[in-house]
Amino acid sequence: MSSNVAGLLTYILGFITGIIFLVIEPYKNDKFVRFHAFQSIFLSAVWIVFRIVWGTIVMGMIWSPFSALWALLGLISMLISLAFLACILFLMYKAYNNERFKLPVIGELAAKQAG
């Protein structure tokens, strides 16, 4: 499998495929694949932390007397999820085209880890 396809696949299941491609023999030494694997892992970690914080905020408002607020929070949650999916698809596209697109903070960390 070529490096660009492996880079694309690192984003499929987030940190799971990122870790897999960091330990599979032909790809663990490929800097391109390592970069995308680390970026996938870090992006997944940010998503998990965000979902925990967001869930805590929403659950904290469970006793809120404003029922319209629930609809707004649901809409915001859906829009954020769609934006995250669009980001993943964009990164997959960039990886397939042999590009090292760096996300603002995560990309720099991934580049340092990849070497």
N, C-alpha and C. Protein backbone atom coordinates (compact mmCIF):
# COMPACT_ATOMS: atom_id res chain seq x y z
N MET A 1 0.85 -1.17 0.00
CA MET A 1 0.00 0.00 0.00
C MET A 1 0.90 1.24 0.00
N SER A 2 0.52 2.22 -0.78
CA SER A 2 1.33 3.44 -0.87
C SER A 2 1.14 4.32 0.37
N SER A 3 2.06 5.23 0.55
CA SER A 3 2.04 6.11 1.74
C SER A 3 0.80 6.99 1.78
N ASN A 4 0.36 7.46 0.61
CA ASN A 4 -0.81 8.35 0.63
C ASN A 4 -2.08 7.61 1.05
N VAL A 5 -2.23 6.37 0.66
CA VAL A 5 -3.40 5.58 1.08
C VAL A 5 -3.31 5.27 2.57
N ALA A 6 -2.11 4.93 3.04
CA ALA A 6 -1.92 4.67 4.47
C ALA A 6 -2.21 5.93 5.27
N GLY A 7 -1.77 7.09 4.78
CA GLY A 7 -2.06 8.36 5.45
C GLY A 7 -3.55 8.64 5.53
N LEU A 8 -4.26 8.33 4.46
CA LEU A 8 -5.71 8.49 4.45
C LEU A 8 -6.36 7.57 5.48
N LEU A 9 -5.90 6.33 5.54
CA LEU A 9 -6.51 5.35 6.44
C LEU A 9 -6.28 5.65 7.92
N THR A 10 -5.28 6.45 8.24
CA THR A 10 -5.04 6.78 9.65
C THR A 10 -6.21 7.55 10.26
N TYR A 11 -7.00 8.21 9.42
CA TYR A 11 -8.12 9.02 9.92
C TYR A 11 -9.43 8.24 10.01
N ILE A 12 -9.48 7.03 9.47
CA ILE A 12 -10.74 6.28 9.39
C ILE A 12 -11.38 6.07 10.76
N LEU A 13 -10.65 5.51 11.71
CA LEU A 13 -11.17 5.24 13.05
C LEU A 13 -10.48 6.08 14.12
N GLY A 14 -9.94 7.20 13.73
CA GLY A 14 -9.32 8.10 14.69
C GLY A 14 -8.06 7.54 15.31
N PHE A 15 -8.00 7.60 16.63
CA PHE A 15 -6.78 7.19 17.31
C PHE A 15 -6.49 5.70 17.15
N ILE A 16 -7.51 4.88 16.90
CA ILE A 16 -7.30 3.44 16.74
C ILE A 16 -6.44 3.16 15.51
N THR A 17 -6.85 3.68 14.36
CA THR A 17 -6.05 3.45 13.15
C THR A 17 -4.75 4.23 13.20
N GLY A 18 -4.75 5.37 13.89
CA GLY A 18 -3.50 6.10 14.06
C GLY A 18 -2.45 5.27 14.79
N ILE A 19 -2.85 4.64 15.86
CA ILE A 19 -1.93 3.79 16.63
C ILE A 19 -1.53 2.57 15.81
N ILE A 20 -2.47 1.98 15.11
CA ILE A 20 -2.15 0.80 14.29
C ILE A 20 -1.07 1.12 13.28
N PHE A 21 -1.20 2.25 12.59
CA PHE A 21 -0.20 2.60 11.58
C PHE A 21 1.12 3.04 12.19
N LEU A 22 1.13 3.39 13.46
CA LEU A 22 2.41 3.71 14.13
C LEU A 22 3.18 2.46 14.50
N VAL A 23 2.52 1.31 14.57
CA VAL A 23 3.22 0.08 14.96
C VAL A 23 3.39 -0.91 13.82
N ILE A 24 2.66 -0.74 12.72
CA ILE A 24 2.81 -1.65 11.58
C ILE A 24 4.17 -1.38 10.93
N GLU A 25 4.87 -2.44 10.65
CA GLU A 25 6.27 -2.37 10.23
C GLU A 25 6.57 -1.47 9.03
N PRO A 26 5.97 -1.63 7.89
CA PRO A 26 6.47 -0.78 6.80
C PRO A 26 6.14 0.71 6.96
N TYR A 27 5.17 1.04 7.79
CA TYR A 27 4.71 2.43 7.89
C TYR A 27 5.24 3.15 9.12
N LYS A 28 5.73 2.43 10.10
CA LYS A 28 6.18 3.10 11.33
C LYS A 28 7.45 3.92 11.10
N ASN A 29 8.14 3.70 9.99
CA ASN A 29 9.33 4.49 9.67
C ASN A 29 9.07 5.53 8.59
N ASP A 30 7.87 5.56 8.04
CA ASP A 30 7.50 6.52 6.99
C ASP A 30 7.04 7.82 7.66
N LYS A 31 7.78 8.91 7.46
CA LYS A 31 7.47 10.17 8.14
C LYS A 31 6.11 10.73 7.73
N PHE A 32 5.73 10.52 6.48
CA PHE A 32 4.43 11.01 6.01
C PHE A 32 3.29 10.30 6.75
N VAL A 33 3.37 9.00 6.83
CA VAL A 33 2.33 8.23 7.52
C VAL A 33 2.35 8.52 9.01
N ARG A 34 3.54 8.64 9.59
CA ARG A 34 3.67 8.96 11.02
C ARG A 34 3.03 10.31 11.33
N PHE A 35 3.26 11.30 10.48
CA PHE A 35 2.66 12.62 10.68
C PHE A 35 1.14 12.52 10.72
N HIS A 36 0.56 11.85 9.73
CA HIS A 36 -0.91 11.75 9.68
C HIS A 36 -1.44 10.89 10.82
N ALA A 37 -0.70 9.87 11.22
CA ALA A 37 -1.14 9.04 12.35
C ALA A 37 -1.16 9.85 13.64
N PHE A 38 -0.10 10.62 13.88
CA PHE A 38 -0.07 11.45 15.09
C PHE A 38 -1.14 12.54 15.04
N GLN A 39 -1.35 13.14 13.88
CA GLN A 39 -2.37 14.17 13.78
C GLN A 39 -3.76 13.57 14.03
N SER A 40 -3.98 12.37 13.54
CA SER A 40 -5.24 11.67 13.78
C SER A 40 -5.43 11.38 15.27
N ILE A 41 -4.39 10.92 15.92
CA ILE A 41 -4.45 10.62 17.36
C ILE A 41 -4.75 11.88 18.16
N PHE A 42 -4.02 12.96 17.87
CA PHE A 42 -4.22 14.21 18.62
C PHE A 42 -5.60 14.81 18.35
N LEU A 43 -6.06 14.74 17.10
CA LEU A 43 -7.39 15.26 16.78
C LEU A 43 -8.47 14.45 17.49
N SER A 44 -8.29 13.14 17.55
CA SER A 44 -9.24 12.29 18.26
C SER A 44 -9.26 12.62 19.75
N ALA A 45 -8.10 12.87 20.32
CA ALA A 45 -8.02 13.23 21.74
C ALA A 45 -8.75 14.55 22.00
N VAL A 46 -8.57 15.52 21.12
CA VAL A 46 -9.27 16.80 21.27
C VAL A 46 -10.77 16.59 21.17
N TRP A 47 -11.20 15.74 20.24
CA TRP A 47 -12.63 15.47 20.08
C TRP A 47 -13.21 14.81 21.32
N ILE A 48 -12.50 13.84 21.87
CA ILE A 48 -12.99 13.15 23.07
C ILE A 48 -13.10 14.11 24.25
N VAL A 49 -12.08 14.94 24.45
CA VAL A 49 -12.12 15.91 25.55
C VAL A 49 -13.26 16.91 25.33
N PHE A 50 -13.41 17.37 24.09
CA PHE A 50 -14.50 18.30 23.81
C PHE A 50 -15.86 17.68 24.11
N ARG A 51 -16.06 16.43 23.69
CA ARG A 51 -17.35 15.78 23.92
C ARG A 51 -17.63 15.59 25.42
N ILE A 52 -16.59 15.31 26.20
CA ILE A 52 -16.77 15.17 27.64
C ILE A 52 -17.17 16.52 28.25
N VAL A 53 -16.46 17.57 27.87
CA VAL A 53 -16.77 18.91 28.40
C VAL A 53 -18.16 19.35 27.95
N TRP A 54 -18.46 19.14 26.67
CA TRP A 54 -19.77 19.54 26.15
C TRP A 54 -20.89 18.76 26.83
N GLY A 55 -20.69 17.47 27.02
CA GLY A 55 -21.69 16.65 27.71
C GLY A 55 -21.91 17.10 29.14
N THR A 56 -20.83 17.49 29.80
CA THR A 56 -20.94 18.00 31.17
C THR A 56 -21.74 19.30 31.20
N ILE A 57 -21.49 20.16 30.25
CA ILE A 57 -22.23 21.43 30.19
C ILE A 57 -23.72 21.16 29.94
N VAL A 58 -24.00 20.29 28.99
CA VAL A 58 -25.40 19.99 28.67
C VAL A 58 -26.10 19.32 29.85
N MET A 59 -25.42 18.37 30.48
CA MET A 59 -26.03 17.70 31.63
C MET A 59 -26.19 18.65 32.82
N GLY A 60 -25.31 19.63 32.92
CA GLY A 60 -25.44 20.63 33.97
C GLY A 60 -26.66 21.51 33.78
N MET A 61 -27.13 21.60 32.56
CA MET A 61 -28.30 22.42 32.27
C MET A 61 -29.59 21.61 32.23
N ILE A 62 -29.54 20.38 32.70
CA ILE A 62 -30.72 19.52 32.64
C ILE A 62 -31.87 20.09 33.47
N TRP A 63 -31.54 20.84 34.50
CA TRP A 63 -32.58 21.41 35.36
C TRP A 63 -32.94 22.83 34.94
N SER A 64 -32.45 23.23 33.77
CA SER A 64 -32.73 24.58 33.29
C SER A 64 -34.22 24.72 32.96
N PRO A 65 -34.81 25.84 33.34
CA PRO A 65 -36.24 26.04 33.06
C PRO A 65 -36.49 26.44 31.60
N PHE A 66 -35.44 26.65 30.83
CA PHE A 66 -35.61 27.09 29.44
C PHE A 66 -35.61 25.89 28.50
N SER A 67 -36.76 25.45 28.07
CA SER A 67 -36.85 24.29 27.19
C SER A 67 -36.33 24.61 25.80
N ALA A 68 -36.39 25.85 25.38
CA ALA A 68 -35.87 26.24 24.06
C ALA A 68 -34.35 26.10 24.03
N LEU A 69 -33.73 26.15 25.18
CA LEU A 69 -32.28 26.01 25.25
C LEU A 69 -31.84 24.62 24.83
N TRP A 70 -32.65 23.60 25.10
CA TRP A 70 -32.32 22.23 24.71
C TRP A 70 -32.24 22.10 23.20
N ALA A 71 -33.18 22.72 22.49
CA ALA A 71 -33.17 22.67 21.03
C ALA A 71 -31.94 23.38 20.48
N LEU A 72 -31.59 24.50 21.07
CA LEU A 72 -30.40 25.24 20.63
C LEU A 72 -29.13 24.43 20.88
N LEU A 73 -29.02 23.82 22.06
CA LEU A 73 -27.84 23.00 22.36
C LEU A 73 -27.74 21.79 21.44
N GLY A 74 -28.87 21.20 21.11
CA GLY A 74 -28.88 20.07 20.17
C GLY A 74 -28.43 20.50 18.79
N LEU A 75 -28.88 21.65 18.34
CA LEU A 75 -28.47 22.18 17.04
C LEU A 75 -26.98 22.50 17.02
N ILE A 76 -26.49 23.12 18.07
CA ILE A 76 -25.07 23.45 18.15
C ILE A 76 -24.23 22.17 18.15
N SER A 77 -24.67 21.19 18.90
CA SER A 77 -23.95 19.91 18.95
C SER A 77 -23.89 19.25 17.57
N MET A 78 -24.99 19.28 16.85
CA MET A 78 -25.02 18.69 15.52
C MET A 78 -24.10 19.44 14.55
N LEU A 79 -24.10 20.75 14.62
CA LEU A 79 -23.24 21.55 13.74
C LEU A 79 -21.76 21.31 14.04
N ILE A 80 -21.42 21.20 15.30
CA ILE A 80 -20.03 20.93 15.68
C ILE A 80 -19.62 19.54 15.20
N SER A 81 -20.49 18.58 15.32
CA SER A 81 -20.19 17.22 14.84
C SER A 81 -20.00 17.20 13.33
N LEU A 82 -20.83 17.93 12.60
CA LEU A 82 -20.68 18.01 11.15
C LEU A 82 -19.38 18.71 10.76
N ALA A 83 -19.00 19.74 11.50
CA ALA A 83 -17.73 20.43 11.23
C ALA A 83 -16.55 19.50 11.49
N PHE A 84 -16.63 18.70 12.52
CA PHE A 84 -15.57 17.73 12.81
C PHE A 84 -15.49 16.70 11.69
N LEU A 85 -16.62 16.19 11.22
CA LEU A 85 -16.63 15.24 10.12
C LEU A 85 -16.04 15.85 8.85
N ALA A 86 -16.40 17.09 8.57
CA ALA A 86 -15.84 17.79 7.41
C ALA A 86 -14.33 17.94 7.53
N CYS A 87 -13.85 18.21 8.74
CA CYS A 87 -12.41 18.33 8.98
C CYS A 87 -11.71 17.00 8.72
N ILE A 88 -12.29 15.91 9.19
CA ILE A 88 -11.72 14.57 8.97
C ILE A 88 -11.68 14.26 7.47
N LEU A 89 -12.77 14.52 6.76
CA LEU A 89 -12.82 14.26 5.33
C LEU A 89 -11.79 15.11 4.58
N PHE A 90 -11.64 16.35 4.99
CA PHE A 90 -10.65 17.24 4.38
C PHE A 90 -9.23 16.71 4.60
N LEU A 91 -8.94 16.27 5.81
CA LEU A 91 -7.61 15.73 6.11
C LEU A 91 -7.36 14.44 5.34
N MET A 92 -8.38 13.62 5.17
CA MET A 92 -8.24 12.41 4.38
C MET A 92 -7.93 12.75 2.92
N TYR A 93 -8.61 13.75 2.39
CA TYR A 93 -8.37 14.21 1.02
C TYR A 93 -6.94 14.71 0.86
N LYS A 94 -6.49 15.51 1.82
CA LYS A 94 -5.12 16.05 1.76
C LYS A 94 -4.09 14.94 1.85
N ALA A 95 -4.32 13.96 2.71
CA ALA A 95 -3.38 12.84 2.85
C ALA A 95 -3.33 12.04 1.55
N TYR A 96 -4.48 11.82 0.93
CA TYR A 96 -4.51 11.06 -0.31
C TYR A 96 -3.77 11.79 -1.43
N ASN A 97 -3.76 13.10 -1.39
CA ASN A 97 -3.05 13.90 -2.39
C ASN A 97 -1.60 14.18 -2.00
N ASN A 98 -1.07 13.40 -1.06
CA ASN A 98 0.33 13.50 -0.62
C ASN A 98 0.67 14.88 -0.04
N GLU A 99 -0.26 15.49 0.66
CA GLU A 99 -0.03 16.78 1.29
C GLU A 99 0.01 16.62 2.80
N ARG A 100 0.90 17.37 3.42
CA ARG A 100 0.99 17.41 4.89
C ARG A 100 0.27 18.66 5.38
N PHE A 101 -1.03 18.62 5.40
CA PHE A 101 -1.79 19.77 5.89
C PHE A 101 -1.76 19.75 7.41
N LYS A 102 -1.29 20.85 8.00
CA LYS A 102 -1.17 20.92 9.46
C LYS A 102 -2.33 21.72 10.04
N LEU A 103 -3.02 21.09 10.96
CA LEU A 103 -4.02 21.83 11.73
C LEU A 103 -3.28 22.80 12.64
N PRO A 104 -3.91 23.90 13.05
CA PRO A 104 -3.19 24.95 13.77
C PRO A 104 -2.29 24.50 14.92
N VAL A 105 -2.76 23.89 15.93
CA VAL A 105 -1.90 23.49 17.05
C VAL A 105 -1.52 22.03 16.95
N ILE A 106 -2.48 21.22 16.58
CA ILE A 106 -2.29 19.77 16.51
C ILE A 106 -1.26 19.40 15.45
N GLY A 107 -1.28 20.10 14.33
CA GLY A 107 -0.36 19.80 13.24
C GLY A 107 1.10 19.99 13.62
N GLU A 108 1.36 21.03 14.38
CA GLU A 108 2.74 21.26 14.83
C GLU A 108 3.20 20.17 15.78
N LEU A 109 2.34 19.77 16.68
CA LEU A 109 2.67 18.67 17.61
C LEU A 109 2.91 17.37 16.84
N ALA A 110 2.07 17.12 15.84
CA ALA A 110 2.21 15.90 15.04
C ALA A 110 3.51 15.92 14.25
N ALA A 111 3.87 17.08 13.71
CA ALA A 111 5.11 17.18 12.94
C ALA A 111 6.33 16.94 13.84
N LYS A 112 6.29 17.44 15.06
CA LYS A 112 7.40 17.21 16.00
C LYS A 112 7.51 15.73 16.36
N GLN A 113 6.38 15.08 16.58
CA GLN A 113 6.40 13.67 16.95
C GLN A 113 6.81 12.78 15.78
N ALA A 114 6.43 13.16 14.57
CA ALA A 114 6.75 12.34 13.39
C ALA A 114 8.23 12.42 13.03
N GLY A 115 8.86 13.48 13.43
CA GLY A 115 10.30 13.61 13.15
C GLY A 115 10.64 14.41 11.95
